[in-house]
Amino acid sequence: MASNPSASVLAELQTAGENLNTWGDTRLNVALQMLEAAGHGLTSHTLTGNVSLTHTNYTKTNGSDFCHKIASGSDAAWTLTVGGYERSYLIWNASSYDQIIACSGGGDSVTVYAGEVVPVYCDATNMVRVNLERVVGDLNVTGTATIAGAASIGGAVTAATTPTDNSHLTNKAYVDAELLVVVAGSALPGQNSGTRGASIVSDGTNANWTDLVAGSRITTGATATANGQPYYCDLAGGAFTLTLPASPSEEDYVIADASAEASSSNLTIGRNGETIAGAAADFTCDLGPRRYYFVYLNSDWKVL
C-alpha cells in the first residue's frame, strides 16, 4: 500500500513494510521538519495582494508553518488564505492594516486587527479566532485600549496617568484632588469675565452659570439700567455712571449697590431726562459704601 498524508500537517504516514530500507534519511527528516514547522515554524508575508498558503503532501512548505507574520511593509488590507485542513495557526499582524484570514474550504473568515498577535483555528471549512470575552484576574494594559462594544468591569480600574483629553480614563484620586481644589476656592469650569457675579443653577439635568435675579451680575462700567433690576457696582477700576430707564412708569425701581465703592471713586446715577429727588441733575452716590434704591413716584425718582 502507498503512503498516506496525515490529516493536519500532511506528513507521510507509511503502511507496514512500505519503503523497506528507504525510510531513513530523506523521508524521516522531512516528516520531522514538517512536525517542527507545525509547532514552531514562522513564515513572514509582505502583502501587496491576496496570498494563499501552499500545502503539498510529504513536503515542508509555507503552509506547514504554525506562525504567520504579516510584515509591516504590507501596503493595504488583504486576505491570507490557509488550506482546508484542521490546523491551528498563530497570526502576527505587524502591519498597519486589519487583515482577513480565510480558509480555502470556503467558510467563515476572521479579521486580525493591526498590531494583534492571535491564535486562529481552521476546521477545514471555517476560521475562528480567539476573542477576549472574559479575563479572570488582573489585566494590565500599558498602551492604548480601545473598546468598541460594552465592557462590564466587576473590579477596580486603575488609570496611572493624568488625563489630558476628554476621552481619557481617570481615577478616583485625580477626581478627588480636582474637587478639593474647586472646594478650596480655585477656578470652577467655564468661568470668564462674563460670569462674574453669576451663580451656578441646576435645572435638574444640567448646571449652568446664570443670574439668580436677571441682570444681577457685577457691573464695572457705564450701564443702561432696566426696571426692577439690581446692579452690583464695583468701582475699583474707576468711577462710572448707571443710567436710569427712559420713560419710566409709576413705581418702577432700580437698585444700585455701591457697597464695593472705592474711597476715591463715586458712582453716578444718570437721570435720563427725569428728575432725581426733585433735582434736574444726575445723582452722585457719595455717602460711602451703601445700597441705593431709586423708585419712580409722581414723576420723580425718589432715593431711598
C-alpha atoms as a PDB file:
ATOM      1  CA  MET A   1       0.000   0.000   0.000  1.00  0.00           C
ATOM      2  CA  ALA A   2       1.092   3.551  -0.716  1.00  0.00           C
ATOM      3  CA  SER A   3       1.873   6.102   1.983  1.00  0.00           C
ATOM      4  CA  ASN A   4      -0.901   8.475   3.184  1.00  0.00           C
ATOM      5  CA  PRO A   5      -0.624  12.111   4.329  1.00  0.00           C
ATOM      6  CA  SER A   6      -1.559  12.930   7.898  1.00  0.00           C
ATOM      7  CA  ALA A   7      -4.821  14.846   8.172  1.00  0.00           C
ATOM      8  CA  SER A   8      -3.435  18.127   9.523  1.00  0.00           C
ATOM      9  CA  VAL A   9       0.243  18.568   8.687  1.00  0.00           C
ATOM     10  CA  LEU A  10       0.396  16.262   5.602  1.00  0.00           C
ATOM     11  CA  ALA A  11       3.396  14.329   6.942  1.00  0.00           C
ATOM     12  CA  GLU A  12       3.957  10.927   5.323  1.00  0.00           C
ATOM     13  CA  LEU A  13       2.280   8.014   7.097  1.00  0.00           C
ATOM     14  CA  GLN A  14       3.646   4.663   5.938  1.00  0.00           C
ATOM     15  CA  THR A  15       1.952   1.314   5.956  1.00  0.00           C
ATOM     16  CA  ALA A  16       3.595  -1.779   7.356  1.00  0.00           C
ATOM     17  CA  GLY A  17       6.506  -2.932   5.251  1.00  0.00           C
ATOM     18  CA  GLU A  18       6.337   0.010   2.847  1.00  0.00           C
ATOM     19  CA  ASN A  19       9.557   1.642   1.641  1.00  0.00           C
ATOM     20  CA  LEU A  20      11.616  -1.088   3.204  1.00  0.00           C
ATOM     21  CA  ASN A  21      15.134   0.163   3.915  1.00  0.00           C
ATOM     22  CA  THR A  22      14.288   3.574   2.350  1.00  0.00           C
ATOM     23  CA  TRP A  23      12.510   5.307   5.238  1.00  0.00           C
ATOM     24  CA  GLY A  24      15.633   6.704   6.901  1.00  0.00           C
ATOM     25  CA  ASP A  25      17.342   9.920   5.988  1.00  0.00           C
ATOM     26  CA  THR A  26      15.093  11.694   3.481  1.00  0.00           C
ATOM     27  CA  ARG A  27      11.577  10.642   4.458  1.00  0.00           C
ATOM     28  CA  LEU A  28      12.118  10.697   8.224  1.00  0.00           C
ATOM     29  CA  ASN A  29      13.875  14.049   8.183  1.00  0.00           C
ATOM     30  CA  VAL A  30      11.156  15.670   6.076  1.00  0.00           C
ATOM     31  CA  ALA A  31       8.451  14.325   8.367  1.00  0.00           C
ATOM     32  CA  LEU A  32      10.290  15.669  11.413  1.00  0.00           C
ATOM     33  CA  GLN A  33      10.774  19.059   9.722  1.00  0.00           C
ATOM     34  CA  MET A  34       7.048  19.247   8.962  1.00  0.00           C
ATOM     35  CA  LEU A  35       6.159  18.406  12.571  1.00  0.00           C
ATOM     36  CA  GLU A  36       8.606  21.018  13.831  1.00  0.00           C
ATOM     37  CA  ALA A  37       7.162  23.646  11.473  1.00  0.00           C
ATOM     38  CA  ALA A  38       3.608  22.816  12.589  1.00  0.00           C
ATOM     39  CA  GLY A  39       4.583  23.613  16.177  1.00  0.00           C
ATOM     40  CA  HIS A  40       7.192  26.348  15.810  1.00  0.00           C
ATOM     41  CA  GLY A  41       7.729  27.405  12.189  1.00  0.00           C
ATOM     42  CA  LEU A  42       7.443  31.036  11.042  1.00  0.00           C
ATOM     43  CA  THR A  43       6.748  32.495   7.614  1.00  0.00           C
ATOM     44  CA  SER A  44       6.724  36.266   7.078  1.00  0.00           C
ATOM     45  CA  HIS A  45       4.481  37.758   4.368  1.00  0.00           C
ATOM     46  CA  THR A  46       4.822  41.275   2.961  1.00  0.00           C
ATOM     47  CA  LEU A  47       1.390  41.530   1.434  1.00  0.00           C
ATOM     48  CA  THR A  48       0.827  43.506  -1.760  1.00  0.00           C
ATOM     49  CA  GLY A  49      -2.150  41.376  -2.750  1.00  0.00           C
ATOM     50  CA  ASN A  50      -4.122  38.361  -1.573  1.00  0.00           C
ATOM     51  CA  VAL A  51      -1.971  35.316  -0.734  1.00  0.00           C
ATOM     52  CA  SER A  52      -2.814  31.616  -0.403  1.00  0.00           C
ATOM     53  CA  LEU A  53      -0.562  29.278   1.541  1.00  0.00           C
ATOM     54  CA  THR A  54       0.920  26.274  -0.261  1.00  0.00           C
ATOM     55  CA  HIS A  55       0.222  22.758   1.040  1.00  0.00           C
ATOM     56  CA  THR A  56       1.910  19.732  -0.513  1.00  0.00           C
ATOM     57  CA  ASN A  57       1.849  16.150   0.740  1.00  0.00           C
ATOM     58  CA  TYR A  58       5.097  14.985   2.346  1.00  0.00           C
ATOM     59  CA  THR A  59       6.774  18.364   1.713  1.00  0.00           C
ATOM     60  CA  LYS A  60       7.570  21.273   4.009  1.00  0.00           C
ATOM     61  CA  THR A  61       6.033  24.444   2.533  1.00  0.00           C
ATOM     62  CA  ASN A  62       4.977  27.812   3.913  1.00  0.00           C
ATOM     63  CA  GLY A  63       1.618  26.188   4.723  1.00  0.00           C
ATOM     64  CA  SER A  64       3.450  23.874   7.134  1.00  0.00           C
ATOM     65  CA  ASP A  65       4.407  26.733   9.490  1.00  0.00           C
ATOM     66  CA  PHE A  66       2.491  27.467  12.671  1.00  0.00           C
ATOM     67  CA  CYS A  67       3.150  31.228  12.863  1.00  0.00           C
ATOM     68  CA  HIS A  68       2.449  33.619  10.006  1.00  0.00           C
ATOM     69  CA  LYS A  69       3.669  37.180  10.324  1.00  0.00           C
ATOM     70  CA  ILE A  70       2.094  39.852   8.145  1.00  0.00           C
ATOM     71  CA  ALA A  71       5.030  42.211   7.864  1.00  0.00           C
ATOM     72  CA  SER A  72       4.959  45.962   8.477  1.00  0.00           C
ATOM     73  CA  GLY A  73       5.726  46.582   4.801  1.00  0.00           C
ATOM     74  CA  SER A  74       2.313  45.243   3.714  1.00  0.00           C
ATOM     75  CA  ASP A  75       0.665  48.030   1.739  1.00  0.00           C
ATOM     76  CA  ALA A  76      -3.067  47.525   2.423  1.00  0.00           C
ATOM     77  CA  ALA A  77      -5.704  45.203   3.835  1.00  0.00           C
ATOM     78  CA  TRP A  78      -5.526  41.827   2.095  1.00  0.00           C
ATOM     79  CA  THR A  79      -6.630  38.215   2.559  1.00  0.00           C
ATOM     80  CA  LEU A  80      -4.318  35.404   3.671  1.00  0.00           C
ATOM     81  CA  THR A  81      -5.908  32.038   2.832  1.00  0.00           C
ATOM     82  CA  VAL A  82      -4.865  28.826   4.588  1.00  0.00           C
ATOM     83  CA  GLY A  83      -5.530  25.338   3.304  1.00  0.00           C
ATOM     84  CA  GLY A  84      -8.668  23.369   4.078  1.00  0.00           C
ATOM     85  CA  TYR A  85      -7.132  21.258   6.831  1.00  0.00           C
ATOM     86  CA  GLU A  86      -7.802  21.050  10.546  1.00  0.00           C
ATOM     87  CA  ARG A  87      -4.956  23.218  11.797  1.00  0.00           C
ATOM     88  CA  SER A  88      -4.135  25.841  14.400  1.00  0.00           C
ATOM     89  CA  TYR A  89      -2.111  28.901  13.438  1.00  0.00           C
ATOM     90  CA  LEU A  90      -0.692  31.926  15.178  1.00  0.00           C
ATOM     91  CA  ILE A  91      -1.253  35.109  13.169  1.00  0.00           C
ATOM     92  CA  TRP A  92       1.050  38.055  13.903  1.00  0.00           C
ATOM     93  CA  ASN A  93      -0.254  41.169  12.180  1.00  0.00           C
ATOM     94  CA  ALA A  94       2.664  43.608  12.272  1.00  0.00           C
ATOM     95  CA  SER A  95       1.138  45.722   9.502  1.00  0.00           C
ATOM     96  CA  SER A  96      -0.833  48.941   9.857  1.00  0.00           C
ATOM     97  CA  TYR A  97      -3.951  47.351   8.358  1.00  0.00           C
ATOM     98  CA  ASP A  98      -6.609  44.912   9.533  1.00  0.00           C
ATOM     99  CA  GLN A  99      -6.098  41.649   7.640  1.00  0.00           C
ATOM    100  CA  ILE A 100      -8.538  38.864   6.695  1.00  0.00           C
ATOM    101  CA  ILE A 101      -7.628  35.226   7.374  1.00  0.00           C
ATOM    102  CA  ALA A 102      -9.698  32.823   5.267  1.00  0.00           C
ATOM    103  CA  CYS A 103      -9.891  29.077   4.641  1.00  0.00           C
ATOM    104  CA  SER A 104      -9.770  27.547   1.187  1.00  0.00           C
ATOM    105  CA  GLY A 105     -12.734  25.440   2.319  1.00  0.00           C
ATOM    106  CA  GLY A 106     -14.900  28.494   1.628  1.00  0.00           C
ATOM    107  CA  GLY A 107     -16.438  29.044   5.073  1.00  0.00           C
ATOM    108  CA  ASP A 108     -16.216  31.915   7.520  1.00  0.00           C
ATOM    109  CA  SER A 109     -13.146  34.128   7.643  1.00  0.00           C
ATOM    110  CA  VAL A 110     -11.805  36.164  10.565  1.00  0.00           C
ATOM    111  CA  THR A 111     -10.204  39.577  10.941  1.00  0.00           C
ATOM    112  CA  VAL A 112      -6.888  40.017  12.688  1.00  0.00           C
ATOM    113  CA  TYR A 113      -6.554  43.672  13.559  1.00  0.00           C
ATOM    114  CA  ALA A 114      -3.447  45.780  13.079  1.00  0.00           C
ATOM    115  CA  GLY A 115      -0.926  45.049  15.824  1.00  0.00           C
ATOM    116  CA  GLU A 116      -2.624  41.869  17.060  1.00  0.00           C
ATOM    117  CA  VAL A 117      -0.976  38.506  17.680  1.00  0.00           C
ATOM    118  CA  VAL A 118      -3.773  35.926  17.981  1.00  0.00           C
ATOM    119  CA  PRO A 119      -4.341  32.178  17.623  1.00  0.00           C
ATOM    120  CA  VAL A 120      -6.757  31.118  14.867  1.00  0.00           C
ATOM    121  CA  TYR A 121      -8.179  27.694  14.049  1.00  0.00           C
ATOM    122  CA  CYS A 122      -9.342  26.178  10.785  1.00  0.00           C
ATOM    123  CA  ASP A 123     -11.814  23.277  10.914  1.00  0.00           C
ATOM    124  CA  ALA A 124     -11.180  22.571   7.214  1.00  0.00           C
ATOM    125  CA  THR A 125     -14.018  24.925   6.246  1.00  0.00           C
ATOM    126  CA  ASN A 126     -14.317  27.850   8.665  1.00  0.00           C
ATOM    127  CA  MET A 127     -11.864  30.057  10.505  1.00  0.00           C
ATOM    128  CA  VAL A 128     -12.322  31.011  14.152  1.00  0.00           C
ATOM    129  CA  ARG A 129     -10.145  33.224  16.304  1.00  0.00           C
ATOM    130  CA  VAL A 130      -9.581  33.936  19.965  1.00  0.00           C
ATOM    131  CA  ASN A 131     -11.866  36.721  21.186  1.00  0.00           C
ATOM    132  CA  LEU A 132     -11.200  38.281  24.564  1.00  0.00           C
ATOM    133  CA  GLU A 133     -14.567  37.949  26.307  1.00  0.00           C
ATOM    134  CA  ARG A 134     -13.606  37.297  29.924  1.00  0.00           C
ATOM    135  CA  VAL A 135     -10.495  37.915  31.974  1.00  0.00           C
ATOM    136  CA  VAL A 136     -10.258  36.293  35.393  1.00  0.00           C
ATOM    137  CA  GLY A 137      -7.631  38.020  37.496  1.00  0.00           C
ATOM    138  CA  ASP A 138      -5.615  41.137  36.769  1.00  0.00           C
ATOM    139  CA  LEU A 139      -5.361  42.694  33.297  1.00  0.00           C
ATOM    140  CA  ASN A 140      -2.540  45.168  32.761  1.00  0.00           C
ATOM    141  CA  VAL A 141      -2.657  47.388  29.671  1.00  0.00           C
ATOM    142  CA  THR A 142       0.427  49.531  29.102  1.00  0.00           C
ATOM    143  CA  GLY A 143      -0.667  51.009  25.766  1.00  0.00           C
ATOM    144  CA  THR A 144      -3.983  52.184  24.334  1.00  0.00           C
ATOM    145  CA  ALA A 145      -7.069  50.027  24.961  1.00  0.00           C
ATOM    146  CA  THR A 146      -9.954  50.521  22.519  1.00  0.00           C
ATOM    147  CA  ILE A 147     -13.317  49.019  23.477  1.00  0.00           C
ATOM    148  CA  ALA A 148     -15.803  49.043  20.601  1.00  0.00           C
ATOM    149  CA  GLY A 149     -18.685  47.423  22.492  1.00  0.00           C
ATOM    150  CA  ALA A 150     -19.919  47.222  26.065  1.00  0.00           C
ATOM    151  CA  ALA A 151     -17.488  46.465  28.885  1.00  0.00           C
ATOM    152  CA  SER A 152     -18.593  45.063  32.230  1.00  0.00           C
ATOM    153  CA  ILE A 153     -15.939  45.506  34.897  1.00  0.00           C
ATOM    154  CA  GLY A 154     -16.582  43.960  38.301  1.00  0.00           C
ATOM    155  CA  GLY A 155     -13.360  45.031  39.978  1.00  0.00           C
ATOM    156  CA  ALA A 156     -11.201  48.110  40.187  1.00  0.00           C
ATOM    157  CA  VAL A 157      -9.911  50.022  37.170  1.00  0.00           C
ATOM    158  CA  THR A 158      -6.572  51.757  37.682  1.00  0.00           C
ATOM    159  CA  ALA A 159      -5.593  54.685  35.484  1.00  0.00           C
ATOM    160  CA  ALA A 160      -1.982  55.556  36.125  1.00  0.00           C
ATOM    161  CA  THR A 161      -1.704  58.851  34.268  1.00  0.00           C
ATOM    162  CA  THR A 162      -3.307  62.292  34.488  1.00  0.00           C
ATOM    163  CA  PRO A 163      -5.972  62.678  31.771  1.00  0.00           C
ATOM    164  CA  THR A 164      -5.255  65.289  29.103  1.00  0.00           C
ATOM    165  CA  ASP A 165      -8.196  64.647  26.765  1.00  0.00           C
ATOM    166  CA  ASN A 166     -11.963  64.281  27.186  1.00  0.00           C
ATOM    167  CA  SER A 167     -11.705  60.657  26.002  1.00  0.00           C
ATOM    168  CA  HIS A 168      -9.165  59.653  28.659  1.00  0.00           C
ATOM    169  CA  LEU A 169      -9.952  57.438  31.615  1.00  0.00           C
ATOM    170  CA  THR A 170      -9.208  58.922  35.020  1.00  0.00           C
ATOM    171  CA  ASN A 171      -9.117  57.656  38.578  1.00  0.00           C
ATOM    172  CA  LYS A 172     -10.721  58.468  41.924  1.00  0.00           C
ATOM    173  CA  ALA A 173      -7.611  60.086  43.359  1.00  0.00           C
ATOM    174  CA  TYR A 174      -7.416  62.530  40.456  1.00  0.00           C
ATOM    175  CA  VAL A 175     -11.125  63.403  40.627  1.00  0.00           C
ATOM    176  CA  ASP A 176     -10.991  63.827  44.404  1.00  0.00           C
ATOM    177  CA  ALA A 177      -7.983  66.106  44.099  1.00  0.00           C
ATOM    178  CA  GLU A 178      -9.696  68.251  41.465  1.00  0.00           C
ATOM    179  CA  LEU A 179     -12.866  68.524  43.551  1.00  0.00           C
ATOM    180  CA  LEU A 180     -10.871  69.525  46.612  1.00  0.00           C
ATOM    181  CA  VAL A 181      -9.160  72.238  44.592  1.00  0.00           C
ATOM    182  CA  VAL A 182     -12.554  73.555  43.490  1.00  0.00           C
ATOM    183  CA  VAL A 183     -13.970  73.403  47.010  1.00  0.00           C
ATOM    184  CA  ALA A 184     -10.920  75.270  48.259  1.00  0.00           C
ATOM    185  CA  GLY A 185     -11.847  78.195  46.029  1.00  0.00           C
ATOM    186  CA  SER A 186      -9.965  77.581  42.803  1.00  0.00           C
ATOM    187  CA  ALA A 187     -11.459  78.096  39.369  1.00  0.00           C
ATOM    188  CA  LEU A 188     -14.722  76.351  38.561  1.00  0.00           C
ATOM    189  CA  PRO A 189     -15.156  75.188  34.946  1.00  0.00           C
ATOM    190  CA  GLY A 190     -16.496  77.652  32.407  1.00  0.00           C
ATOM    191  CA  GLN A 191     -15.543  80.845  34.208  1.00  0.00           C
ATOM    192  CA  ASN A 192     -14.750  84.042  32.325  1.00  0.00           C
ATOM    193  CA  SER A 193     -15.309  87.773  32.668  1.00  0.00           C
ATOM    194  CA  GLY A 194     -18.930  87.349  31.592  1.00  0.00           C
ATOM    195  CA  THR A 195     -19.754  85.036  34.524  1.00  0.00           C
ATOM    196  CA  ARG A 196     -18.607  87.454  37.216  1.00  0.00           C
ATOM    197  CA  GLY A 197     -21.325  87.749  39.866  1.00  0.00           C
ATOM    198  CA  ALA A 198     -23.289  84.835  38.360  1.00  0.00           C
ATOM    199  CA  SER A 199     -24.360  81.671  40.155  1.00  0.00           C
ATOM    200  CA  ILE A 200     -24.436  78.009  39.136  1.00  0.00           C
ATOM    201  CA  VAL A 201     -28.058  76.861  38.876  1.00  0.00           C
ATOM    202  CA  SER A 202     -29.275  73.341  38.026  1.00  0.00           C
ATOM    203  CA  ASP A 203     -32.433  72.671  36.024  1.00  0.00           C
ATOM    204  CA  GLY A 204     -32.486  69.084  37.296  1.00  0.00           C
ATOM    205  CA  THR A 205     -30.428  67.819  34.375  1.00  0.00           C
ATOM    206  CA  ASN A 206     -27.713  70.359  33.646  1.00  0.00           C
ATOM    207  CA  ALA A 207     -25.944  73.022  35.699  1.00  0.00           C
ATOM    208  CA  ASN A 208     -25.198  76.375  34.094  1.00  0.00           C
ATOM    209  CA  TRP A 209     -23.968  79.813  35.010  1.00  0.00           C
ATOM    210  CA  THR A 210     -26.892  82.205  35.402  1.00  0.00           C
ATOM    211  CA  ASP A 211     -28.190  85.198  37.362  1.00  0.00           C
ATOM    212  CA  LEU A 212     -30.293  84.430  40.426  1.00  0.00           C
ATOM    213  CA  VAL A 213     -32.070  87.666  39.528  1.00  0.00           C
ATOM    214  CA  ALA A 214     -31.968  88.706  35.901  1.00  0.00           C
ATOM    215  CA  GLY A 215     -29.224  91.264  35.285  1.00  0.00           C
ATOM    216  CA  SER A 216     -27.712  90.866  38.773  1.00  0.00           C
ATOM    217  CA  ARG A 217     -24.100  90.372  37.812  1.00  0.00           C
ATOM    218  CA  ILE A 218     -21.240  92.632  38.863  1.00  0.00           C
ATOM    219  CA  THR A 219     -21.186  95.926  36.953  1.00  0.00           C
ATOM    220  CA  THR A 220     -17.803  97.516  36.343  1.00  0.00           C
ATOM    221  CA  GLY A 221     -18.594 100.202  33.773  1.00  0.00           C
ATOM    222  CA  ALA A 222     -21.236 102.533  32.362  1.00  0.00           C
ATOM    223  CA  THR A 223     -24.547 100.688  32.097  1.00  0.00           C
ATOM    224  CA  ALA A 224     -28.104 101.491  30.965  1.00  0.00           C
ATOM    225  CA  THR A 225     -30.339 100.032  33.654  1.00  0.00           C
ATOM    226  CA  ALA A 226     -33.686  98.245  33.357  1.00  0.00           C
ATOM    227  CA  ASN A 227     -36.720  98.407  35.623  1.00  0.00           C
ATOM    228  CA  GLY A 228     -36.709  96.079  38.632  1.00  0.00           C
ATOM    229  CA  GLN A 229     -33.046  95.033  38.368  1.00  0.00           C
ATOM    230  CA  PRO A 230     -30.239  95.175  40.941  1.00  0.00           C
ATOM    231  CA  TYR A 231     -26.800  96.372  39.872  1.00  0.00           C
ATOM    232  CA  TYR A 232     -23.799  95.451  41.999  1.00  0.00           C
ATOM    233  CA  CYS A 233     -21.227  98.072  41.188  1.00  0.00           C
ATOM    234  CA  ASP A 234     -17.508  97.519  41.515  1.00  0.00           C
ATOM    235  CA  LEU A 235     -15.715 100.853  41.228  1.00  0.00           C
ATOM    236  CA  ALA A 236     -12.222  99.532  41.860  1.00  0.00           C
ATOM    237  CA  GLY A 237     -11.383 100.380  38.269  1.00  0.00           C
ATOM    238  CA  GLY A 238     -12.748 103.930  38.477  1.00  0.00           C
ATOM    239  CA  ALA A 239     -15.974 105.902  38.596  1.00  0.00           C
ATOM    240  CA  PHE A 240     -18.748 105.257  36.092  1.00  0.00           C
ATOM    241  CA  THR A 241     -22.433 106.019  35.502  1.00  0.00           C
ATOM    242  CA  LEU A 242     -25.578 103.935  35.796  1.00  0.00           C
ATOM    243  CA  THR A 243     -28.270 105.485  33.605  1.00  0.00           C
ATOM    244  CA  LEU A 244     -31.867 105.160  34.833  1.00  0.00           C
ATOM    245  CA  PRO A 245     -34.509 103.742  32.462  1.00  0.00           C
ATOM    246  CA  ALA A 246     -36.044 106.039  29.866  1.00  0.00           C
ATOM    247  CA  SER A 247     -39.787 106.771  30.031  1.00  0.00           C
ATOM    248  CA  PRO A 248     -40.292 105.125  33.432  1.00  0.00           C
ATOM    249  CA  SER A 249     -43.715 104.131  34.759  1.00  0.00           C
ATOM    250  CA  GLU A 250     -45.115 104.737  38.215  1.00  0.00           C
ATOM    251  CA  GLU A 251     -43.431 102.572  40.847  1.00  0.00           C
ATOM    252  CA  ASP A 252     -40.605 101.435  38.572  1.00  0.00           C
ATOM    253  CA  TYR A 253     -37.450 100.859  40.578  1.00  0.00           C
ATOM    254  CA  VAL A 254     -33.724 100.241  40.242  1.00  0.00           C
ATOM    255  CA  ILE A 255     -31.281  99.073  42.918  1.00  0.00           C
ATOM    256  CA  ALA A 256     -27.716 100.359  42.798  1.00  0.00           C
ATOM    257  CA  ASP A 257     -25.433  98.547  45.212  1.00  0.00           C
ATOM    258  CA  ALA A 258     -22.274 100.582  45.772  1.00  0.00           C
ATOM    259  CA  SER A 259     -21.096  98.538  48.753  1.00  0.00           C
ATOM    260  CA  ALA A 260     -17.838  97.838  46.932  1.00  0.00           C
ATOM    261  CA  GLU A 261     -17.319 101.509  46.100  1.00  0.00           C
ATOM    262  CA  ALA A 262     -13.704 102.629  46.228  1.00  0.00           C
ATOM    263  CA  SER A 263     -12.980 105.544  48.516  1.00  0.00           C
ATOM    264  CA  SER A 264     -11.714 107.659  45.619  1.00  0.00           C
ATOM    265  CA  SER A 265     -14.442 106.758  43.095  1.00  0.00           C
ATOM    266  CA  ASN A 266     -18.127 107.654  43.251  1.00  0.00           C
ATOM    267  CA  LEU A 267     -20.985 106.060  41.382  1.00  0.00           C
ATOM    268  CA  THR A 268     -23.082 108.470  39.333  1.00  0.00           C
ATOM    269  CA  ILE A 269     -26.755 107.850  38.551  1.00  0.00           C
ATOM    270  CA  GLY A 270     -27.758 109.357  35.203  1.00  0.00           C
ATOM    271  CA  ARG A 271     -31.255 110.869  35.362  1.00  0.00           C
ATOM    272  CA  ASN A 272     -32.046 110.177  31.659  1.00  0.00           C
ATOM    273  CA  GLY A 273     -34.347 113.204  31.328  1.00  0.00           C
ATOM    274  CA  GLU A 274     -36.187 112.748  34.620  1.00  0.00           C
ATOM    275  CA  THR A 275     -35.616 114.448  37.970  1.00  0.00           C
ATOM    276  CA  ILE A 276     -33.921 112.684  40.863  1.00  0.00           C
ATOM    277  CA  ALA A 277     -35.035 113.724  44.354  1.00  0.00           C
ATOM    278  CA  GLY A 278     -36.661 116.762  42.740  1.00  0.00           C
ATOM    279  CA  ALA A 279     -33.485 117.958  41.050  1.00  0.00           C
ATOM    280  CA  ALA A 280     -32.860 118.092  37.307  1.00  0.00           C
ATOM    281  CA  ALA A 281     -29.353 116.750  37.761  1.00  0.00           C
ATOM    282  CA  ASP A 282     -27.549 113.451  37.884  1.00  0.00           C
ATOM    283  CA  PHE A 283     -27.183 111.942  41.342  1.00  0.00           C
ATOM    284  CA  THR A 284     -23.790 111.244  42.928  1.00  0.00           C
ATOM    285  CA  CYS A 285     -23.618 108.334  45.341  1.00  0.00           C
ATOM    286  CA  ASP A 286     -21.164 109.957  47.753  1.00  0.00           C
ATOM    287  CA  LEU A 287     -22.410 108.715  51.106  1.00  0.00           C
ATOM    288  CA  GLY A 288     -19.838 105.942  51.260  1.00  0.00           C
ATOM    289  CA  PRO A 289     -20.347 102.241  50.526  1.00  0.00           C
ATOM    290  CA  ARG A 290     -24.076 101.524  50.691  1.00  0.00           C
ATOM    291  CA  ARG A 291     -27.089 100.383  48.671  1.00  0.00           C
ATOM    292  CA  TYR A 292     -29.344 102.944  46.931  1.00  0.00           C
ATOM    293  CA  TYR A 293     -32.945 102.362  45.918  1.00  0.00           C
ATOM    294  CA  PHE A 294     -34.442 104.530  43.181  1.00  0.00           C
ATOM    295  CA  VAL A 295     -38.256 104.392  42.955  1.00  0.00           C
ATOM    296  CA  TYR A 296     -40.218 106.383  40.380  1.00  0.00           C
ATOM    297  CA  LEU A 297     -43.176 108.104  42.105  1.00  0.00           C
ATOM    298  CA  ASN A 298     -45.169 111.146  40.999  1.00  0.00           C
ATOM    299  CA  SER A 299     -42.910 111.796  38.019  1.00  0.00           C
ATOM    300  CA  ASP A 300     -39.727 111.817  40.071  1.00  0.00           C
ATOM    301  CA  TRP A 301     -37.054 109.300  41.028  1.00  0.00           C
ATOM    302  CA  LYS A 302     -37.106 109.034  44.825  1.00  0.00           C
ATOM    303  CA  VAL A 303     -33.885 107.999  46.569  1.00  0.00           C
ATOM    304  CA  LEU A 304     -34.170 105.592  49.486  1.00  0.00           C
END
